[in-house]
Amino acid sequence: MRLGAARIYVATGGDAVTFYQACGWEVDEIVPIGPGEHATVLSKVTLFTREWRSHDAG
């Protein structure tokens, strides 16, 4: 069985958006979270996967 995520997501705002973009994250959408406020959802492709074998548990 393969575990992991092909893409990971983060929701943030303000100066953090610029930081994430500088680290290779891409803006997916902007979501309203309240009157006059929004969160920016960013994502990044990851190579994090690993094989899971039953003897790994335990």
N, C-alpha and C. Protein backbone atom coordinates (compact mmCIF):
# COMPACT_ATOMS: atom_id res chain seq x y z
N MET A 1 0.85 -1.17 0.00
CA MET A 1 0.00 0.00 0.00
C MET A 1 0.90 1.23 0.00
N ARG A 2 0.55 2.21 -0.78
CA ARG A 2 1.34 3.43 -0.87
C ARG A 2 0.66 4.52 -0.04
N LEU A 3 1.42 5.15 0.84
CA LEU A 3 0.92 6.24 1.67
C LEU A 3 1.59 7.54 1.26
N GLY A 4 0.92 8.65 1.50
CA GLY A 4 1.51 9.94 1.21
C GLY A 4 0.52 10.85 0.52
N ALA A 5 0.99 11.98 0.12
CA ALA A 5 0.14 12.97 -0.54
C ALA A 5 0.86 13.49 -1.77
N ALA A 6 0.15 13.51 -2.89
CA ALA A 6 0.74 14.03 -4.12
C ALA A 6 0.77 15.55 -4.11
N ARG A 7 -0.14 16.15 -3.37
CA ARG A 7 -0.23 17.61 -3.28
C ARG A 7 -0.67 17.96 -1.86
N ILE A 8 -0.08 19.00 -1.30
CA ILE A 8 -0.48 19.47 0.03
C ILE A 8 -0.99 20.90 -0.08
N TYR A 9 -1.84 21.28 0.86
CA TYR A 9 -2.51 22.58 0.83
C TYR A 9 -2.31 23.32 2.14
N VAL A 10 -2.36 24.66 2.05
CA VAL A 10 -2.33 25.52 3.22
C VAL A 10 -3.25 26.71 2.95
N ALA A 11 -3.93 27.17 3.98
CA ALA A 11 -4.74 28.39 3.89
C ALA A 11 -4.12 29.42 4.82
N THR A 12 -3.86 30.61 4.29
CA THR A 12 -3.19 31.65 5.06
C THR A 12 -3.56 33.01 4.51
N GLY A 13 -2.93 34.03 4.99
CA GLY A 13 -3.19 35.38 4.51
C GLY A 13 -2.03 36.30 4.81
N GLY A 14 -2.17 37.53 4.41
CA GLY A 14 -1.16 38.55 4.68
C GLY A 14 0.18 38.25 4.04
N ASP A 15 1.25 38.61 4.76
CA ASP A 15 2.61 38.44 4.25
C ASP A 15 2.99 36.97 4.05
N ALA A 16 2.29 36.07 4.72
CA ALA A 16 2.61 34.65 4.60
C ALA A 16 2.38 34.15 3.16
N VAL A 17 1.43 34.74 2.45
CA VAL A 17 1.16 34.33 1.07
C VAL A 17 2.41 34.54 0.23
N THR A 18 3.04 35.69 0.36
CA THR A 18 4.26 35.98 -0.39
C THR A 18 5.37 35.01 -0.02
N PHE A 19 5.48 34.67 1.26
CA PHE A 19 6.49 33.71 1.71
C PHE A 19 6.27 32.35 1.06
N TYR A 20 5.04 31.85 1.12
CA TYR A 20 4.75 30.54 0.51
C TYR A 20 5.03 30.55 -0.99
N GLN A 21 4.65 31.62 -1.67
CA GLN A 21 4.91 31.70 -3.11
C GLN A 21 6.41 31.68 -3.40
N ALA A 22 7.20 32.34 -2.58
CA ALA A 22 8.65 32.35 -2.75
C ALA A 22 9.25 30.96 -2.54
N CYS A 23 8.51 30.11 -1.80
CA CYS A 23 8.96 28.74 -1.54
C CYS A 23 8.39 27.74 -2.54
N GLY A 24 7.77 28.25 -3.60
CA GLY A 24 7.30 27.37 -4.67
C GLY A 24 5.84 26.96 -4.60
N TRP A 25 5.08 27.51 -3.66
CA TRP A 25 3.66 27.20 -3.56
C TRP A 25 2.88 28.02 -4.58
N GLU A 26 1.77 27.47 -5.07
CA GLU A 26 0.93 28.15 -6.06
C GLU A 26 -0.43 28.47 -5.46
N VAL A 27 -0.96 29.65 -5.79
CA VAL A 27 -2.29 30.04 -5.32
C VAL A 27 -3.34 29.22 -6.07
N ASP A 28 -4.21 28.55 -5.31
CA ASP A 28 -5.30 27.77 -5.89
C ASP A 28 -6.60 28.56 -5.91
N GLU A 29 -6.89 29.22 -4.80
CA GLU A 29 -8.12 30.00 -4.73
C GLU A 29 -8.07 30.97 -3.57
N ILE A 30 -8.96 31.94 -3.61
CA ILE A 30 -9.12 32.90 -2.52
C ILE A 30 -10.53 32.70 -1.98
N VAL A 31 -10.62 32.46 -0.67
CA VAL A 31 -11.88 32.08 -0.04
C VAL A 31 -12.31 33.17 0.95
N PRO A 32 -13.55 33.66 0.84
CA PRO A 32 -14.03 34.63 1.83
C PRO A 32 -14.21 33.94 3.18
N ILE A 33 -13.74 34.61 4.24
CA ILE A 33 -13.88 34.03 5.58
C ILE A 33 -14.65 34.94 6.53
N GLY A 34 -15.03 36.10 6.07
CA GLY A 34 -15.79 37.04 6.87
C GLY A 34 -15.94 38.34 6.13
N PRO A 35 -16.68 39.27 6.69
CA PRO A 35 -16.87 40.57 6.03
C PRO A 35 -15.52 41.25 5.75
N GLY A 36 -15.20 41.41 4.48
CA GLY A 36 -13.97 42.09 4.10
C GLY A 36 -12.70 41.28 4.33
N GLU A 37 -12.83 40.01 4.67
CA GLU A 37 -11.65 39.17 4.92
C GLU A 37 -11.66 37.97 4.00
N HIS A 38 -10.47 37.49 3.68
CA HIS A 38 -10.34 36.30 2.85
C HIS A 38 -9.09 35.51 3.25
N ALA A 39 -9.09 34.25 2.89
CA ALA A 39 -7.92 33.39 3.07
C ALA A 39 -7.46 32.96 1.68
N THR A 40 -6.16 32.87 1.52
CA THR A 40 -5.60 32.40 0.27
C THR A 40 -5.20 30.94 0.45
N VAL A 41 -5.70 30.09 -0.44
CA VAL A 41 -5.38 28.67 -0.40
C VAL A 41 -4.27 28.42 -1.43
N LEU A 42 -3.17 27.88 -0.94
CA LEU A 42 -2.03 27.57 -1.81
C LEU A 42 -1.77 26.07 -1.76
N SER A 43 -1.13 25.56 -2.81
CA SER A 43 -0.79 24.14 -2.83
C SER A 43 0.60 23.94 -3.43
N LYS A 44 1.14 22.77 -3.13
CA LYS A 44 2.47 22.42 -3.64
C LYS A 44 2.52 20.92 -3.89
N VAL A 45 3.08 20.55 -5.03
CA VAL A 45 3.28 19.14 -5.34
C VAL A 45 4.39 18.62 -4.43
N THR A 46 4.20 17.44 -3.90
CA THR A 46 5.20 16.85 -3.03
C THR A 46 5.57 15.46 -3.52
N LEU A 47 6.74 15.06 -3.24
CA LEU A 47 7.18 13.72 -3.61
C LEU A 47 7.08 12.78 -2.41
N PHE A 48 6.41 13.24 -1.35
CA PHE A 48 6.30 12.42 -0.14
C PHE A 48 5.34 11.26 -0.36
N THR A 49 5.89 10.10 -0.53
CA THR A 49 5.12 8.86 -0.55
C THR A 49 6.02 7.79 0.02
N ARG A 50 5.42 6.76 0.57
CA ARG A 50 6.22 5.63 1.02
C ARG A 50 5.37 4.38 0.98
N GLU A 51 6.03 3.28 0.81
CA GLU A 51 5.35 2.00 0.84
C GLU A 51 5.07 1.64 2.29
N TRP A 52 3.87 1.12 2.54
CA TRP A 52 3.52 0.66 3.87
C TRP A 52 3.34 -0.84 3.81
N ARG A 53 4.00 -1.51 4.72
CA ARG A 53 3.88 -2.97 4.80
C ARG A 53 3.36 -3.30 6.18
N SER A 54 2.61 -4.36 6.28
CA SER A 54 1.97 -4.70 7.56
C SER A 54 2.99 -4.84 8.67
N HIS A 55 4.22 -5.27 8.40
CA HIS A 55 5.21 -5.41 9.47
C HIS A 55 5.74 -4.05 9.94
N ASP A 56 5.39 -2.95 9.23
CA ASP A 56 5.77 -1.61 9.69
C ASP A 56 4.96 -1.20 10.91
N ALA A 57 3.76 -1.72 11.04
CA ALA A 57 2.88 -1.35 12.17
C ALA A 57 3.32 -2.11 13.42
N GLY A 58 3.30 -1.38 14.51
CA GLY A 58 3.46 -2.13 15.69
C GLY A 58 4.53 -1.98 16.58
